[in-house]
Amino acid sequence: MALFALGLNHHTAPLAVRERVVFHVERLREALAALRSDLAAEAAILSTCNRTELYLAAGQPPTAAAEWFARYHRFDPTELGRYLYTLPQEQAVRHAFRVASGLDSMVLGEPQILGQMKEAARAAESAGTLGTLLHKLFQRTFAVAKEVRSTTSVGAASVSMASAAVKLAARIFPSLKDQKVLFIGAGEMIELCATHFAAQGPAHIAVANRTAERAERLAHRFNGEAIELKVLPERLHEYDIVVSCTASSLPILGKGLVERALRARRRRPMFMVDLAVPRDIEPEAGELDDVFLYTVDDLGQIVSDNRDSRRSALEQAEVIIETQVGQFMRWLQARENVPLIRALREHGEQARRHELERALRCLQRGDDPAAVLEQLSQGLTAKLLHAPTQALNDAAGDEGRVLAETLSRLFRIK
C-alpha cells in the first residue's frame, strides 16, 4: 500500500478549473466513501478556495486516482490531467508539511490553511477513511506546522487577502469612512475581512448569510446589521463594497442583479470581492461599467509581492520541514518492515518450540538434564544460523561481499 497525494492548486490551475473540482461539505462524506470503495484503503480530501487535494494510501496506482477524480467531477481525464500533480510518498509528506505551514499558500504564511487541514482530517476520521498511515501523517503535519509558526517569522509579516481587499477598496474610494460594506457569508474568511474593514470605520456594515443566527452574531461584533439573503435583490444597491465568501455551489449575485443595483445607484461605483470557490458572483458582472470585481486569484497576485521580505524565514522553515520529512520517512520505512519482523520472530519461535518439545521428551525419558540443555542450545543455534550461513555460502562476487557486510552488521561481528 503506497502513500501519495494528488490534486491541483492556484499554482497549476486557474480559478475557472478550481471551482469545478470543489468537494462541497454536504457531499464530502459521500466522496470519501466512494474513494474507500473504489481505490483507497485510506483517504482524506482537502478542498479550499486555492486547492483540491486527495491524500491516499492505496494499492492502486495514482493514475486510477486521477481518473476517479476527473470522473467524479465530470471532467475529461485528459483535460483535467493538464492541471494535476501527483506526489508519491516522500514528496507527498513534504507537500503536506509545506501546505500546513503556509509555505504553499497564495499568501505566504497564512494561518487559515492549517485549520482547513485539521477539518479535512476530522472529516476523514468521521467517515472512517483515516487509517493508521494518514492519521500519523496528519498528526505529524500539524506538529510541523506548529513548529514552523512558533520558531520562524514566516507568518509575522503576512499580508492577508483581507488586508489586500481593504487596500484595493481604498484605491476606489477616497475614504472608507463614507462607505457602506456588505459581507455575504459568515465563515472564517468573512470574519477576517470584516475585522479589517471595520478597523477603517466604514459608515455601515451588514452581514447576509443563509443561517440568520451566524449573521446576527457576526454583525453584532462589528455593530452592524444582519440581513437575509432573500432581500439582496432589493437592498444590494445600498452598498458600496461587497465581499462574498460562501460555500454555495451556485452564484449568489448574477450579472442582472448587479446591473439593476447599479441603475439604482445612479452609476456610483461598486467594489466587489469574490473570495469563494466556486464563485459567488458571476464573472460577467465584472464586465459592467462602474463595477470593480476582484477574485481570490486577483488578490493573490497582489499579496505575492511580499514574499521576498520573508525569504530568510522561508529558508528556516524549509530546513525544519526537511528534518521532519526525514523522521517521518524513517517511521514509514519501519512500518513497512513490520511484516518482515513478524515473520522473523515467528520463524525463531517455531525453532524454539521445536527444540523445547524435543528437550522435554528427552527429560521425560530420563536423560541427563545437563546433556539435554546442551543439546537444546546446540540445536537452537544451528536452526537460527542455518539460513544466513547457507545464503553466505551460496553467494558470490559483489553479492557475497554485500551479504557478508550485512551479516556482520546484523550480528555485530567486527
Protein backbone atom coordinates (compact mmCIF):
# COMPACT_ATOMS: atom_id res chain seq x y z
CA MET A 1 0.00 0.00 0.00
CA ALA A 2 1.55 3.30 -1.14
CA LEU A 3 1.07 6.80 0.20
CA PHE A 4 0.60 9.60 -2.32
CA ALA A 5 -1.13 12.95 -2.84
CA LEU A 6 -2.94 14.08 -5.96
CA GLY A 7 -4.61 17.37 -6.79
CA LEU A 8 -4.40 20.85 -8.21
CA ASN A 9 -3.95 24.32 -6.74
CA HIS A 10 -3.57 28.00 -7.56
CA HIS A 11 -0.10 27.32 -9.00
CA THR A 12 -1.32 24.75 -11.53
CA ALA A 13 -4.93 25.60 -12.33
CA PRO A 14 -6.92 28.79 -12.99
CA LEU A 15 -9.94 29.69 -10.90
CA ALA A 16 -12.31 28.52 -13.65
CA VAL A 17 -10.94 24.98 -13.24
CA ARG A 18 -10.55 25.03 -9.44
CA GLU A 19 -14.18 25.94 -8.88
CA ARG A 20 -15.30 22.90 -10.89
CA VAL A 21 -13.47 20.41 -8.68
CA VAL A 22 -14.55 21.60 -5.25
CA PHE A 23 -15.82 18.91 -2.87
CA HIS A 24 -18.76 20.57 -1.14
CA VAL A 25 -19.19 19.91 2.57
CA GLU A 26 -22.57 18.24 2.15
CA ARG A 27 -21.09 15.65 -0.25
CA LEU A 28 -17.68 15.18 1.34
CA ARG A 29 -18.63 12.08 3.33
CA GLU A 30 -20.09 10.51 0.21
CA ALA A 31 -16.92 11.25 -1.78
CA LEU A 32 -14.69 9.74 0.91
CA ALA A 33 -16.82 6.61 0.99
CA ALA A 34 -16.56 6.35 -2.79
CA LEU A 35 -12.77 6.68 -2.62
CA ARG A 36 -12.59 3.97 0.02
CA SER A 37 -14.84 1.71 -2.01
CA ASP A 38 -13.23 2.29 -5.40
CA LEU A 39 -9.48 2.54 -4.89
CA ALA A 40 -8.03 3.51 -1.49
CA ALA A 41 -7.67 1.85 1.90
CA GLU A 42 -7.29 5.30 3.47
CA ALA A 43 -8.38 8.67 2.10
CA ALA A 44 -8.65 12.34 3.06
CA ILE A 45 -9.80 15.29 0.96
CA LEU A 46 -8.56 18.86 1.35
CA SER A 47 -10.80 21.26 -0.59
CA THR A 48 -10.30 25.02 -0.25
CA CYS A 49 -10.56 28.06 -2.49
CA ASN A 50 -6.94 27.60 -3.59
CA ARG A 51 -6.58 23.83 -3.79
CA THR A 52 -8.31 20.47 -4.02
CA GLU A 53 -6.13 17.55 -2.97
CA LEU A 54 -6.57 13.86 -2.25
CA TYR A 55 -4.30 12.21 0.31
CA LEU A 56 -4.42 8.46 -0.22
CA ALA A 57 -2.97 5.20 0.99
CA ALA A 58 -3.82 2.83 -1.82
CA GLY A 59 -2.79 -0.33 -3.56
CA GLN A 60 -3.81 1.06 -6.95
CA PRO A 61 -1.60 3.42 -8.98
CA PRO A 62 -2.06 7.22 -8.92
CA THR A 63 -3.41 7.09 -12.49
CA ALA A 64 -6.50 5.32 -11.15
CA ALA A 65 -6.99 8.11 -8.59
CA ALA A 66 -6.61 10.75 -11.31
CA GLU A 67 -9.27 9.04 -13.40
CA TRP A 68 -11.57 8.77 -10.39
CA PHE A 69 -11.02 12.47 -9.62
CA ALA A 70 -11.89 13.52 -13.17
CA ARG A 71 -14.88 11.18 -13.39
CA TYR A 72 -16.29 12.36 -10.06
CA HIS A 73 -16.27 15.99 -11.23
CA ARG A 74 -17.40 15.16 -14.78
CA PHE A 75 -14.14 16.25 -16.31
CA ASP A 76 -12.41 14.73 -19.28
CA PRO A 77 -9.38 12.94 -17.71
CA THR A 78 -7.01 14.24 -20.39
CA GLU A 79 -8.23 17.82 -19.96
CA LEU A 80 -8.01 17.74 -16.15
CA GLY A 81 -4.67 15.94 -16.28
CA ARG A 82 -3.01 19.14 -17.56
CA TYR A 83 -3.57 20.73 -14.16
CA LEU A 84 -3.00 17.78 -11.82
CA TYR A 85 0.12 16.93 -9.85
CA THR A 86 0.85 13.54 -8.34
CA LEU A 87 3.23 13.35 -5.39
CA PRO A 88 4.50 9.92 -4.32
CA GLN A 89 5.41 9.02 -0.75
CA GLU A 90 8.23 11.36 0.37
CA GLN A 91 7.08 14.18 -1.91
CA ALA A 92 3.54 13.84 -0.55
CA VAL A 93 4.81 14.09 3.04
CA ARG A 94 6.91 17.18 2.24
CA HIS A 95 3.96 18.76 0.41
CA ALA A 96 1.59 18.19 3.35
CA PHE A 97 4.09 19.78 5.75
CA ARG A 98 4.58 22.81 3.47
CA VAL A 99 0.86 23.29 2.90
CA ALA A 100 0.01 23.20 6.61
CA SER A 101 2.85 25.62 7.38
CA GLY A 102 1.53 28.14 4.86
CA LEU A 103 4.56 27.81 2.55
CA ASP A 104 2.49 26.72 -0.45
CA SER A 105 -0.28 29.27 0.06
CA MET A 106 -1.18 32.18 -2.17
CA VAL A 107 -0.44 34.31 0.88
CA LEU A 108 2.84 33.05 2.36
CA GLY A 109 2.38 32.04 5.98
CA GLU A 110 -1.40 32.50 6.05
CA PRO A 111 -2.91 30.65 9.03
CA GLN A 112 -6.31 29.54 7.67
CA ILE A 113 -4.95 26.53 5.78
CA LEU A 114 -3.90 24.76 8.99
CA GLY A 115 -7.46 24.84 10.26
CA GLN A 116 -8.71 23.60 6.90
CA MET A 117 -6.30 20.66 7.01
CA LYS A 118 -7.45 19.80 10.52
CA GLU A 119 -11.04 19.86 9.29
CA ALA A 120 -10.07 17.54 6.40
CA ALA A 121 -8.59 15.09 8.91
CA ARG A 122 -11.69 15.28 11.12
CA ALA A 123 -13.95 14.66 8.12
CA ALA A 124 -11.92 11.61 7.07
CA GLU A 125 -11.94 10.25 10.60
CA SER A 126 -15.70 10.72 10.84
CA ALA A 127 -16.17 8.95 7.50
CA GLY A 128 -13.97 6.04 8.63
CA THR A 129 -11.30 6.61 5.98
CA LEU A 130 -8.49 7.87 8.23
CA GLY A 131 -6.34 4.81 8.94
CA THR A 132 -3.05 4.42 10.77
CA LEU A 133 -0.89 5.86 7.99
CA LEU A 134 -2.89 9.01 7.24
CA HIS A 135 -3.59 9.58 10.92
CA LYS A 136 0.15 9.59 11.58
CA LEU A 137 0.76 11.84 8.57
CA PHE A 138 -1.77 14.47 9.65
CA GLN A 139 -0.71 14.47 13.29
CA ARG A 140 2.91 14.94 12.27
CA THR A 141 1.82 17.61 9.77
CA PHE A 142 0.08 19.64 12.46
CA ALA A 143 3.11 19.36 14.76
CA VAL A 144 5.45 20.54 11.98
CA ALA A 145 3.20 23.50 11.17
CA LYS A 146 3.17 24.48 14.84
CA GLU A 147 6.96 24.32 14.99
CA VAL A 148 7.36 26.40 11.83
CA ARG A 149 4.96 29.06 13.04
CA SER A 150 6.42 29.23 16.55
CA THR A 151 10.13 29.23 15.65
CA THR A 152 10.19 31.29 12.43
CA SER A 153 8.64 34.58 11.34
CA VAL A 154 7.06 33.19 8.16
CA GLY A 155 3.61 34.43 9.13
CA ALA A 156 4.64 37.51 11.07
CA ALA A 157 4.57 39.88 8.11
CA SER A 158 1.85 38.05 6.24
CA VAL A 159 -0.30 40.28 4.06
CA SER A 160 -3.68 38.61 4.12
CA MET A 161 -6.37 38.53 1.49
CA ALA A 162 -8.45 40.65 3.82
CA SER A 163 -5.93 43.47 4.15
CA ALA A 164 -5.29 43.34 0.41
CA ALA A 165 -9.02 43.81 -0.18
CA VAL A 166 -9.02 46.87 2.08
CA LYS A 167 -6.08 48.37 0.20
CA LEU A 168 -7.79 47.82 -3.14
CA ALA A 169 -11.01 49.39 -1.88
CA ALA A 170 -9.02 52.44 -0.76
CA ARG A 171 -7.93 52.94 -4.38
CA ILE A 172 -11.56 53.21 -5.48
CA PHE A 173 -12.96 55.33 -2.66
CA PRO A 174 -11.25 58.42 -1.20
CA SER A 175 -12.30 57.38 2.31
CA LEU A 176 -13.79 54.12 3.55
CA LYS A 177 -15.40 56.04 6.40
CA ASP A 178 -18.12 57.15 3.98
CA GLN A 179 -18.84 53.72 2.53
CA LYS A 180 -21.36 51.01 3.33
CA VAL A 181 -19.98 47.47 3.37
CA LEU A 182 -21.89 44.22 2.82
CA PHE A 183 -20.43 40.83 3.75
CA ILE A 184 -22.08 37.75 2.26
CA GLY A 185 -21.30 34.66 4.33
CA ALA A 186 -20.22 34.28 7.94
CA GLY A 187 -17.23 31.94 7.81
CA GLU A 188 -13.64 32.45 8.89
CA MET A 189 -12.60 34.39 5.79
CA ILE A 190 -15.56 36.77 6.03
CA GLU A 191 -14.87 37.27 9.72
CA LEU A 192 -11.26 38.17 8.89
CA CYS A 193 -12.35 40.57 6.17
CA ALA A 194 -14.94 42.17 8.45
CA THR A 195 -12.24 42.73 11.07
CA HIS A 196 -10.01 44.55 8.57
CA PHE A 197 -12.77 46.67 7.07
CA ALA A 198 -14.26 47.52 10.47
CA ALA A 199 -10.89 48.92 11.52
CA GLN A 200 -11.35 51.58 8.80
CA GLY A 201 -14.55 52.82 10.44
CA PRO A 202 -17.00 52.45 7.49
CA ALA A 203 -20.35 54.20 7.61
CA HIS A 204 -22.30 50.95 7.89
CA ILE A 205 -21.68 47.19 7.97
CA ALA A 206 -24.19 44.48 7.04
CA VAL A 207 -23.88 40.69 7.06
CA ALA A 208 -26.03 38.38 4.93
CA ASN A 209 -25.92 34.64 5.48
CA ARG A 210 -28.12 31.59 4.99
CA THR A 211 -28.05 30.97 8.74
CA ALA A 212 -29.56 34.03 10.39
CA GLU A 213 -28.05 33.25 13.79
CA ARG A 214 -24.47 33.30 12.46
CA ALA A 215 -25.13 36.52 10.54
CA GLU A 216 -26.53 38.19 13.66
CA ARG A 217 -23.61 37.06 15.79
CA LEU A 218 -21.02 38.39 13.34
CA ALA A 219 -22.92 41.63 12.72
CA HIS A 220 -23.21 42.22 16.46
CA ARG A 221 -19.42 42.02 16.82
CA PHE A 222 -18.99 44.98 14.48
CA ASN A 223 -22.09 46.98 15.44
CA GLY A 224 -23.59 46.04 12.10
CA GLU A 225 -26.86 44.79 10.69
CA ALA A 226 -27.83 41.21 9.86
CA ILE A 227 -29.97 40.78 6.74
CA GLU A 228 -31.48 37.79 4.94
CA LEU A 229 -30.10 36.60 1.64
CA LYS A 230 -33.51 36.80 0.05
CA VAL A 231 -33.63 40.59 0.43
CA LEU A 232 -30.38 41.15 -1.52
CA PRO A 233 -32.21 41.96 -4.79
CA GLU A 234 -33.96 44.87 -3.04
CA ARG A 235 -31.01 46.08 -0.98
CA LEU A 236 -27.83 45.40 -2.94
CA HIS A 237 -27.79 48.93 -4.35
CA GLU A 238 -27.31 50.34 -0.83
CA TYR A 239 -23.76 49.02 -0.52
CA ASP A 240 -20.59 50.46 -1.98
CA ILE A 241 -18.41 47.49 -1.05
CA VAL A 242 -19.47 43.83 -1.29
CA VAL A 243 -17.29 40.98 -0.04
CA SER A 244 -18.60 37.46 -0.56
CA CYS A 245 -17.30 34.06 0.52
CA THR A 246 -19.84 31.26 0.92
CA ALA A 247 -19.92 27.54 0.27
CA SER A 248 -22.69 27.87 -2.29
CA SER A 249 -22.35 25.68 -5.38
CA LEU A 250 -24.14 28.33 -7.49
CA PRO A 251 -23.59 32.10 -7.87
CA ILE A 252 -25.43 34.25 -5.37
CA LEU A 253 -25.11 37.51 -7.30
CA GLY A 254 -25.76 37.36 -11.04
CA LYS A 255 -24.91 39.95 -13.66
CA GLY A 256 -28.55 41.04 -13.95
CA LEU A 257 -28.89 41.64 -10.23
CA VAL A 258 -25.71 43.71 -10.12
CA GLU A 259 -26.81 45.65 -13.19
CA ARG A 260 -30.12 46.60 -11.53
CA ALA A 261 -28.24 47.68 -8.40
CA LEU A 262 -26.01 49.96 -10.49
CA ARG A 263 -29.01 51.65 -12.07
CA ALA A 264 -30.46 52.27 -8.61
CA ARG A 265 -27.11 53.70 -7.52
CA ARG A 266 -27.12 56.08 -10.50
CA ARG A 267 -23.85 54.58 -11.73
CA ARG A 268 -21.94 55.15 -8.49
CA PRO A 269 -19.13 52.56 -8.45
CA MET A 270 -19.35 49.24 -6.63
CA PHE A 271 -16.26 47.48 -5.32
CA MET A 272 -16.78 43.71 -5.15
CA VAL A 273 -14.53 40.96 -3.83
CA ASP A 274 -15.40 37.33 -4.51
CA LEU A 275 -13.30 35.04 -2.31
CA ALA A 276 -15.45 31.95 -2.90
CA VAL A 277 -14.61 28.87 -4.95
CA PRO A 278 -16.90 28.17 -6.79
CA ARG A 279 -17.52 31.87 -7.31
CA ASP A 280 -20.41 33.66 -5.60
CA ILE A 281 -20.52 36.49 -8.14
CA GLU A 282 -20.96 35.79 -11.84
CA PRO A 283 -17.73 36.77 -13.64
CA GLU A 284 -19.79 38.68 -16.23
CA ALA A 285 -20.70 41.20 -13.53
CA GLY A 286 -17.11 42.39 -13.66
CA GLU A 287 -17.64 43.49 -17.28
CA LEU A 288 -20.15 46.14 -16.22
CA ASP A 289 -19.05 49.75 -16.13
CA ASP A 290 -18.56 51.05 -12.60
CA VAL A 291 -18.07 47.54 -11.16
CA PHE A 292 -14.64 46.69 -9.80
CA LEU A 293 -14.71 42.93 -9.28
CA TYR A 294 -11.75 41.03 -7.83
CA THR A 295 -11.44 37.28 -7.35
CA VAL A 296 -9.29 35.25 -4.98
CA ASP A 297 -6.66 34.92 -7.74
CA ASP A 298 -6.55 38.68 -8.27
CA LEU A 299 -5.86 39.30 -4.60
CA GLY A 300 -3.31 36.51 -4.52
CA GLN A 301 -1.28 38.23 -7.22
CA ILE A 302 -1.27 41.43 -5.19
CA VAL A 303 -0.09 39.87 -1.95
CA SER A 304 2.57 37.68 -3.57
CA ASP A 305 4.90 40.69 -3.83
CA ASN A 306 5.58 40.43 -0.10
CA ARG A 307 7.39 37.09 -0.46
CA ASP A 308 10.92 38.49 -0.83
CA SER A 309 10.84 40.23 2.54
CA ARG A 310 10.34 36.85 4.23
CA ARG A 311 12.87 34.81 2.28
CA SER A 312 15.12 34.24 5.31
CA ALA A 313 12.20 32.97 7.39
CA LEU A 314 11.15 30.77 4.48
CA GLU A 315 14.59 29.16 4.35
CA GLN A 316 14.44 28.43 8.09
CA ALA A 317 11.02 26.84 7.66
CA GLU A 318 12.25 24.66 4.79
CA VAL A 319 15.10 23.33 6.97
CA ILE A 320 12.62 22.36 9.70
CA ILE A 321 10.40 20.64 7.16
CA GLU A 322 13.26 18.66 5.58
CA THR A 323 14.30 17.38 9.01
CA GLN A 324 10.74 16.33 9.82
CA VAL A 325 10.29 14.68 6.42
CA GLY A 326 13.33 12.51 7.14
CA GLN A 327 11.93 11.46 10.50
CA PHE A 328 8.55 10.60 9.03
CA MET A 329 10.10 8.57 6.22
CA ARG A 330 12.11 6.56 8.76
CA TRP A 331 8.88 5.82 10.62
CA LEU A 332 7.23 4.82 7.35
CA GLN A 333 10.14 2.54 6.44
CA ALA A 334 9.99 0.91 9.86
CA ARG A 335 6.26 0.40 9.40
CA GLU A 336 6.85 -1.28 6.04
CA ASN A 337 9.29 -3.68 7.74
CA VAL A 338 6.72 -4.79 10.32
CA PRO A 339 5.56 -7.86 8.31
CA LEU A 340 9.18 -9.00 7.87
CA ILE A 341 9.89 -8.51 11.57
CA ARG A 342 6.82 -10.56 12.45
CA ALA A 343 7.89 -13.30 10.06
CA LEU A 344 11.39 -13.38 11.56
CA ARG A 345 10.00 -13.61 15.07
CA GLU A 346 7.62 -16.39 14.04
CA HIS A 347 10.49 -18.28 12.41
CA GLY A 348 12.52 -18.01 15.61
CA GLU A 349 9.52 -19.00 17.71
CA GLN A 350 8.95 -22.13 15.63
CA ALA A 351 12.59 -23.15 16.08
CA ARG A 352 12.35 -22.53 19.85
CA ARG A 353 9.18 -24.58 20.21
CA HIS A 354 10.60 -27.48 18.19
CA GLU A 355 13.78 -27.71 20.28
CA LEU A 356 11.89 -27.24 23.54
CA GLU A 357 9.49 -30.09 22.72
CA ARG A 358 12.41 -32.38 21.89
CA ALA A 359 14.17 -31.46 25.15
CA LEU A 360 11.03 -32.17 27.20
CA ARG A 361 10.71 -35.62 25.62
CA CYS A 362 14.34 -36.35 26.50
CA LEU A 363 13.79 -35.27 30.10
CA GLN A 364 10.67 -37.42 30.39
CA ARG A 365 12.76 -40.33 29.15
CA GLY A 366 15.18 -39.77 31.99
CA ASP A 367 18.12 -38.35 30.02
CA ASP A 368 20.78 -36.33 31.86
CA PRO A 369 19.42 -32.72 32.21
CA ALA A 370 22.82 -31.18 31.53
CA ALA A 371 23.15 -33.14 28.29
CA VAL A 372 19.58 -32.20 27.31
CA LEU A 373 20.27 -28.49 27.84
CA GLU A 374 23.48 -28.74 25.84
CA GLN A 375 21.63 -30.42 23.00
CA LEU A 376 18.84 -27.82 23.21
CA SER A 377 21.25 -24.91 22.90
CA GLN A 378 23.19 -26.51 20.06
CA GLY A 379 20.02 -27.38 18.13
CA LEU A 380 18.54 -23.89 18.55
CA THR A 381 21.79 -22.22 17.46
CA ALA A 382 22.06 -24.47 14.40
CA LYS A 383 18.48 -23.75 13.31
CA LEU A 384 18.77 -19.98 13.68
CA LEU A 385 22.13 -19.76 11.88
CA HIS A 386 21.42 -22.27 9.12
CA ALA A 387 19.65 -19.89 6.71
CA PRO A 388 22.15 -16.98 6.86
CA THR A 389 25.11 -19.40 6.71
CA GLN A 390 23.65 -21.16 3.68
CA ALA A 391 22.95 -17.83 1.95
CA LEU A 392 26.51 -16.67 2.57
CA ASN A 393 27.93 -19.94 1.16
CA ASP A 394 25.74 -19.67 -1.96
CA ALA A 395 26.55 -16.00 -2.66
CA ALA A 396 29.50 -14.97 -4.81
CA GLY A 397 31.23 -11.81 -6.05
CA ASP A 398 29.66 -8.45 -5.14
CA GLU A 399 26.56 -10.16 -3.78
CA GLY A 400 28.70 -12.16 -1.39
CA ARG A 401 30.58 -9.09 -0.16
CA VAL A 402 27.33 -7.14 0.41
CA LEU A 403 25.78 -10.07 2.24
CA ALA A 404 28.89 -10.51 4.38
CA GLU A 405 28.83 -6.83 5.36
CA THR A 406 25.12 -7.04 6.15
CA LEU A 407 25.50 -10.15 8.31
CA SER A 408 28.46 -8.58 10.15
CA ARG A 409 26.30 -5.55 10.90
CA LEU A 410 23.26 -7.61 11.92
CA PHE A 411 25.21 -9.86 14.28
CA ARG A 412 27.61 -7.08 15.33
CA ILE A 413 30.69 -9.03 14.28
CA LYS A 414 33.81 -6.94 13.78
